[in-house]
Amino acid sequence: MRTSILFVALWVFAFDIAAPSILAEERASWKAGLAKTRITPDKPLWMGGFGARTNVSQGTLQELYAKALALDDGSRRPAVLVTADIVGFRAAVGKNIAERAEKQYGLPRARLILSSSYTHSGPLLADPLSIWYRWRLSAEQYRDVEDYTRELEDKVVAVVGAALRDLQPARLSFGYGEANFGVNRRRKAEKGGAVSFVPNPEGPVDPHVPVLRVDSERGRLRGVVFGYVCHTSTLLADNYRFCGDYAGFAEAWLEQQHPDAVAFFVQGCGADIMAYPSV
């Protein structure tokens, strides 16, 4: 836990949302709508992210959320970003959500982004094409996963609608910060080839933390979208409690400091990047 709190401090150090941004969009026609909903499973469930786990979850370290940010540049053709504390949106899940959003809200698939934080301490989602976990789960356990997946789809569709209904005039600004706890996890072996899952401080990383700030017309902070390129796996396979990992702690801290705002984390292309140290 102390290490996770350290990561929150690193995020805070990486950027100050009260500081002037590099780029501000002053067009009066911008509108923004924000919404969030709890998606923590209400019963023990198999977790996604680590193949070494051997059983279902054992409680909750931190609540999980799905959040939606709707943006309209004045064209009345809004786009929606959804972020969620899960390891990933399976193709079938994404398809179901997108089709329902288009049917219910007239939102085309091309204007909907489904982004998972890639937390390795979130629930597993059902996937008929995946055999990675299926052989480990009992029939009852997999039915629980299927039930949760349907509930998640319902909640994500609902939060998209809530964000669209919340559209109101907004001011946007954009900038960059920096964080340095992401470390390359591929290292060349002495005899050729590569060693995986070991810290390589000399390997390439991307330290940038892009930040989008959403304010009301009167300058009240309503939302912050920030990203980083790093696996959300500071909590390892021996953790059986649901948690948003470093991204979830960073979002929670921002929302505690700004109770009227919603914080969104967007995962970057971090396949070769690990958080170091881990716990």
Protein backbone atom coordinates (compact mmCIF):
# COMPACT_ATOMS: atom_id res chain seq x y z
CA MET A 1 0.00 0.00 0.00
CA ARG A 2 2.79 2.44 0.83
CA THR A 3 4.28 1.82 -2.60
CA SER A 4 0.91 2.48 -4.26
CA ILE A 5 0.59 5.75 -2.36
CA LEU A 6 4.06 6.65 -3.61
CA PHE A 7 2.84 6.18 -7.16
CA VAL A 8 0.00 8.60 -6.46
CA ALA A 9 2.55 11.14 -5.27
CA LEU A 10 4.51 10.61 -8.47
CA TRP A 11 1.40 11.31 -10.53
CA VAL A 12 0.71 14.46 -8.58
CA PHE A 13 4.29 15.59 -9.04
CA ALA A 14 4.05 14.81 -12.75
CA PHE A 15 1.45 17.47 -13.41
CA ASP A 16 -0.34 20.26 -11.58
CA ILE A 17 -3.83 20.65 -12.97
CA ALA A 18 -4.03 24.15 -11.56
CA ALA A 19 -1.04 25.26 -13.61
CA PRO A 20 -1.44 27.11 -16.93
CA SER A 21 -1.85 24.74 -19.87
CA ILE A 22 0.18 24.71 -23.02
CA LEU A 23 -2.83 25.00 -25.29
CA ALA A 24 -6.28 26.34 -24.50
CA GLU A 25 -9.31 26.12 -26.79
CA GLU A 26 -11.44 29.21 -26.27
CA ARG A 27 -14.19 28.43 -28.77
CA ALA A 28 -17.51 29.16 -27.09
CA SER A 29 -19.17 26.35 -29.02
CA TRP A 30 -17.54 23.52 -27.06
CA LYS A 31 -19.82 21.42 -24.85
CA ALA A 32 -18.83 18.68 -22.43
CA GLY A 33 -20.78 16.09 -20.48
CA LEU A 34 -19.34 13.86 -17.76
CA ALA A 35 -20.64 10.83 -15.87
CA LYS A 36 -19.34 7.92 -13.78
CA THR A 37 -20.73 4.69 -12.40
CA ARG A 38 -19.46 2.02 -10.02
CA ILE A 39 -18.59 -1.30 -11.68
CA THR A 40 -17.06 -3.23 -8.76
CA PRO A 41 -18.44 -6.80 -8.76
CA ASP A 42 -20.82 -7.46 -5.86
CA LYS A 43 -19.66 -11.04 -5.40
CA PRO A 44 -16.37 -12.97 -5.68
CA LEU A 45 -15.34 -13.19 -9.32
CA TRP A 46 -12.40 -14.46 -11.30
CA MET A 47 -9.93 -11.67 -12.00
CA GLY A 48 -8.24 -10.78 -15.28
CA GLY A 49 -4.66 -9.83 -16.03
CA PHE A 50 -2.49 -12.54 -14.49
CA GLY A 51 -2.50 -16.15 -15.64
CA ALA A 52 -0.96 -17.29 -12.35
CA ARG A 53 -4.07 -16.72 -10.24
CA THR A 54 -5.79 -19.85 -9.02
CA ASN A 55 -9.10 -18.66 -7.58
CA VAL A 56 -11.74 -15.94 -7.44
CA SER A 57 -11.37 -12.50 -5.86
CA GLN A 58 -11.24 -12.02 -2.10
CA GLY A 59 -12.70 -8.59 -1.51
CA THR A 60 -12.10 -5.03 -2.68
CA LEU A 61 -9.13 -2.77 -2.07
CA GLN A 62 -10.56 0.08 -4.15
CA GLU A 63 -13.88 0.61 -5.92
CA LEU A 64 -13.85 0.28 -9.72
CA TYR A 65 -15.56 2.71 -12.07
CA ALA A 66 -16.63 3.26 -15.65
CA LYS A 67 -16.65 6.91 -16.71
CA ALA A 68 -17.78 8.77 -19.82
CA LEU A 69 -16.75 12.11 -21.29
CA ALA A 70 -18.90 13.47 -24.12
CA LEU A 71 -17.50 16.31 -26.22
CA ASP A 72 -19.30 18.36 -28.86
CA ASP A 73 -17.41 21.00 -30.87
CA GLY A 74 -20.59 22.75 -31.93
CA SER A 75 -21.39 20.40 -34.77
CA ARG A 76 -24.01 18.57 -32.69
CA ARG A 77 -22.17 15.35 -33.48
CA PRO A 78 -20.69 14.49 -30.07
CA ALA A 79 -17.95 11.96 -29.49
CA VAL A 80 -17.68 9.95 -26.27
CA LEU A 81 -14.66 8.60 -24.41
CA VAL A 82 -15.35 5.75 -21.99
CA THR A 83 -12.70 4.69 -19.48
CA ALA A 84 -13.09 1.65 -17.23
CA ASP A 85 -11.15 -0.14 -14.50
CA ILE A 86 -10.92 -3.46 -16.32
CA VAL A 87 -8.13 -5.30 -18.08
CA GLY A 88 -9.76 -4.82 -21.47
CA PHE A 89 -12.96 -4.60 -23.52
CA ARG A 90 -13.38 -7.92 -25.30
CA ALA A 91 -14.34 -7.58 -28.96
CA ALA A 92 -17.84 -8.97 -28.41
CA VAL A 93 -18.37 -6.70 -25.39
CA GLY A 94 -17.27 -3.62 -27.31
CA LYS A 95 -19.51 -4.56 -30.23
CA ASN A 96 -22.54 -4.97 -27.97
CA ILE A 97 -21.94 -1.65 -26.23
CA ALA A 98 -21.38 0.24 -29.48
CA GLU A 99 -24.48 -1.18 -31.16
CA ARG A 100 -26.66 -0.33 -28.18
CA ALA A 101 -25.22 3.18 -27.90
CA GLU A 102 -25.94 3.83 -31.56
CA LYS A 103 -29.47 2.46 -31.29
CA GLN A 104 -30.33 4.31 -28.07
CA TYR A 105 -28.46 7.58 -28.55
CA GLY A 106 -27.67 7.80 -32.27
CA LEU A 107 -23.95 7.67 -31.47
CA PRO A 108 -21.98 6.14 -34.38
CA ARG A 109 -19.28 3.59 -33.58
CA ALA A 110 -16.66 5.90 -35.07
CA ARG A 111 -17.45 8.47 -32.37
CA LEU A 112 -17.13 6.12 -29.39
CA ILE A 113 -13.82 5.22 -27.73
CA LEU A 114 -13.79 2.35 -25.21
CA SER A 115 -10.61 2.55 -23.15
CA SER A 116 -9.67 0.20 -20.32
CA SER A 117 -7.05 1.11 -17.72
CA TYR A 118 -5.60 -2.40 -18.16
CA THR A 119 -5.63 -2.92 -14.40
CA HIS A 120 -4.51 -6.45 -13.57
CA SER A 121 -6.68 -6.32 -10.45
CA GLY A 122 -10.04 -6.01 -12.17
CA PRO A 123 -12.73 -8.56 -13.08
CA LEU A 124 -12.47 -11.03 -15.91
CA LEU A 125 -14.92 -10.55 -18.79
CA ALA A 126 -16.57 -13.35 -20.71
CA ASP A 127 -15.11 -14.17 -24.10
CA PRO A 128 -16.31 -17.20 -26.06
CA LEU A 129 -13.11 -17.20 -28.13
CA SER A 130 -10.71 -17.21 -25.17
CA ILE A 131 -9.36 -20.44 -23.69
CA TRP A 132 -6.76 -18.77 -21.47
CA TYR A 133 -8.94 -18.94 -18.36
CA ARG A 134 -11.84 -21.17 -19.29
CA TRP A 135 -10.20 -24.43 -18.25
CA ARG A 136 -9.56 -23.05 -14.75
CA LEU A 137 -13.10 -21.89 -14.03
CA SER A 138 -15.93 -24.11 -12.86
CA ALA A 139 -19.21 -23.87 -14.75
CA GLU A 140 -20.67 -21.75 -11.93
CA GLN A 141 -17.68 -19.42 -11.88
CA TYR A 142 -17.93 -18.84 -15.61
CA ARG A 143 -21.67 -18.15 -15.35
CA ASP A 144 -20.83 -15.49 -12.76
CA VAL A 145 -18.36 -13.97 -15.23
CA GLU A 146 -21.01 -13.97 -17.96
CA ASP A 147 -23.55 -12.35 -15.63
CA TYR A 148 -21.07 -9.64 -14.65
CA THR A 149 -20.17 -8.99 -18.29
CA ARG A 150 -23.82 -8.33 -19.14
CA GLU A 151 -24.12 -6.03 -16.12
CA LEU A 152 -21.00 -4.15 -17.23
CA GLU A 153 -22.41 -3.66 -20.71
CA ASP A 154 -25.62 -2.24 -19.21
CA LYS A 155 -23.68 0.15 -16.98
CA VAL A 156 -21.38 1.37 -19.75
CA VAL A 157 -24.31 2.04 -22.10
CA ALA A 158 -26.07 3.90 -19.28
CA VAL A 159 -23.04 6.04 -18.41
CA VAL A 160 -22.63 7.00 -22.09
CA GLY A 161 -26.22 8.22 -22.08
CA ALA A 162 -25.70 10.11 -18.83
CA ALA A 163 -22.69 11.96 -20.28
CA LEU A 164 -24.60 12.89 -23.43
CA ARG A 165 -27.48 14.25 -21.35
CA ASP A 166 -25.00 16.30 -19.30
CA LEU A 167 -23.61 18.25 -22.28
CA GLN A 168 -23.13 21.91 -21.37
CA PRO A 169 -20.83 24.77 -22.47
CA ALA A 170 -17.19 24.10 -21.62
CA ARG A 171 -13.63 25.35 -21.99
CA LEU A 172 -10.88 22.89 -22.91
CA SER A 173 -7.14 23.11 -22.35
CA PHE A 174 -4.33 20.68 -23.02
CA GLY A 175 -0.78 20.16 -21.81
CA TYR A 176 1.89 17.64 -20.88
CA GLY A 177 3.47 16.53 -17.63
CA GLU A 178 5.97 13.78 -16.93
CA ALA A 179 6.20 10.65 -14.79
CA ASN A 180 9.15 8.32 -14.39
CA PHE A 181 8.06 5.11 -12.66
CA GLY A 182 7.57 3.26 -15.96
CA VAL A 183 10.58 1.06 -16.81
CA ASN A 184 11.25 -1.04 -19.89
CA ARG A 185 10.78 -4.75 -19.12
CA ARG A 186 12.79 -6.29 -21.97
CA ARG A 187 16.54 -6.83 -21.64
CA LYS A 188 18.98 -8.43 -24.03
CA ALA A 189 20.49 -11.66 -22.75
CA GLU A 190 24.25 -12.14 -22.80
CA LYS A 191 23.97 -15.05 -25.24
CA GLY A 192 21.44 -13.44 -27.53
CA GLY A 193 17.70 -13.24 -27.38
CA ALA A 194 15.89 -11.32 -24.68
CA VAL A 195 14.96 -11.64 -21.03
CA SER A 196 11.40 -10.61 -20.27
CA PHE A 197 9.67 -9.09 -17.23
CA VAL A 198 12.88 -7.69 -15.75
CA PRO A 199 13.60 -3.97 -15.27
CA ASN A 200 15.82 -2.50 -17.98
CA PRO A 201 16.58 1.14 -17.07
CA GLU A 202 18.44 1.54 -20.35
CA GLY A 203 15.45 0.51 -22.48
CA PRO A 204 13.12 2.96 -24.25
CA VAL A 205 10.19 4.49 -22.35
CA ASP A 206 7.75 7.32 -22.90
CA PRO A 207 7.58 9.57 -19.81
CA HIS A 208 4.91 11.92 -21.13
CA VAL A 209 1.65 12.46 -19.27
CA PRO A 210 -0.81 14.14 -21.65
CA VAL A 211 -3.51 16.08 -19.80
CA LEU A 212 -6.85 17.39 -21.07
CA ARG A 213 -8.59 19.78 -18.69
CA VAL A 214 -12.34 20.41 -18.93
CA ASP A 215 -13.72 23.54 -17.27
CA SER A 216 -17.17 25.04 -17.14
CA GLU A 217 -17.78 28.36 -18.87
CA ARG A 218 -17.06 30.09 -15.55
CA GLY A 219 -13.78 28.25 -15.03
CA ARG A 220 -14.90 25.53 -12.60
CA LEU A 221 -12.94 22.33 -13.05
CA ARG A 222 -15.25 19.57 -14.27
CA GLY A 223 -12.90 16.91 -15.56
CA VAL A 224 -9.30 15.83 -16.14
CA VAL A 225 -8.22 13.25 -18.72
CA PHE A 226 -4.66 12.03 -18.30
CA GLY A 227 -2.62 9.16 -19.67
CA TYR A 228 0.58 7.25 -19.19
CA VAL A 229 2.44 4.46 -20.96
CA CYS A 230 2.84 1.72 -18.34
CA HIS A 231 1.27 -1.58 -17.29
CA THR A 232 -1.24 -1.13 -14.50
CA SER A 233 0.25 -4.02 -12.58
CA THR A 234 1.96 -2.61 -9.50
CA LEU A 235 -0.15 -5.12 -7.56
CA LEU A 236 1.03 -8.56 -8.63
CA ALA A 237 -0.62 -11.96 -9.06
CA ASP A 238 -0.83 -12.62 -5.32
CA ASN A 239 -3.32 -9.75 -4.99
CA TYR A 240 -6.90 -11.03 -4.95
CA ARG A 241 -8.66 -7.76 -4.13
CA PHE A 242 -10.25 -5.56 -6.78
CA CYS A 243 -8.30 -2.37 -7.39
CA GLY A 244 -7.69 0.20 -10.12
CA ASP A 245 -3.94 0.04 -9.39
CA TYR A 246 -1.83 3.21 -9.79
CA ALA A 247 -4.32 4.68 -12.27
CA GLY A 248 -7.20 4.19 -9.86
CA PHE A 249 -5.29 5.77 -6.97
CA ALA A 250 -4.36 8.77 -9.14
CA GLU A 251 -7.98 9.26 -10.24
CA ALA A 252 -9.22 8.93 -6.67
CA TRP A 253 -6.71 11.51 -5.40
CA LEU A 254 -7.68 14.01 -8.07
CA GLU A 255 -11.38 13.57 -7.34
CA GLN A 256 -10.79 13.95 -3.59
CA GLN A 257 -8.97 17.22 -4.21
CA HIS A 258 -11.66 18.39 -6.66
CA PRO A 259 -14.99 16.87 -5.53
CA ASP A 260 -16.95 18.38 -8.44
CA ALA A 261 -14.66 16.89 -11.08
CA VAL A 262 -14.30 13.49 -12.73
CA ALA A 263 -10.82 12.09 -13.44
CA PHE A 264 -10.23 9.81 -16.43
CA PHE A 265 -7.15 7.64 -17.02
CA VAL A 266 -6.24 6.58 -20.57
CA GLN A 267 -3.70 3.78 -20.97
CA GLY A 268 -0.93 4.30 -23.52
CA CYS A 269 1.00 1.78 -25.64
CA GLY A 270 2.86 0.23 -22.70
CA ALA A 271 3.32 -3.41 -23.70
CA ASP A 272 7.04 -3.32 -22.90
CA ILE A 273 6.75 -0.97 -19.91
CA MET A 274 6.31 -2.07 -16.30
CA ALA A 275 5.81 -0.06 -13.11
CA TYR A 276 8.89 -0.27 -10.92
CA PRO A 277 8.93 -1.11 -8.11
CA SER A 278 5.87 -3.35 -7.79
CA VAL A 279 4.24 -4.81 -4.68
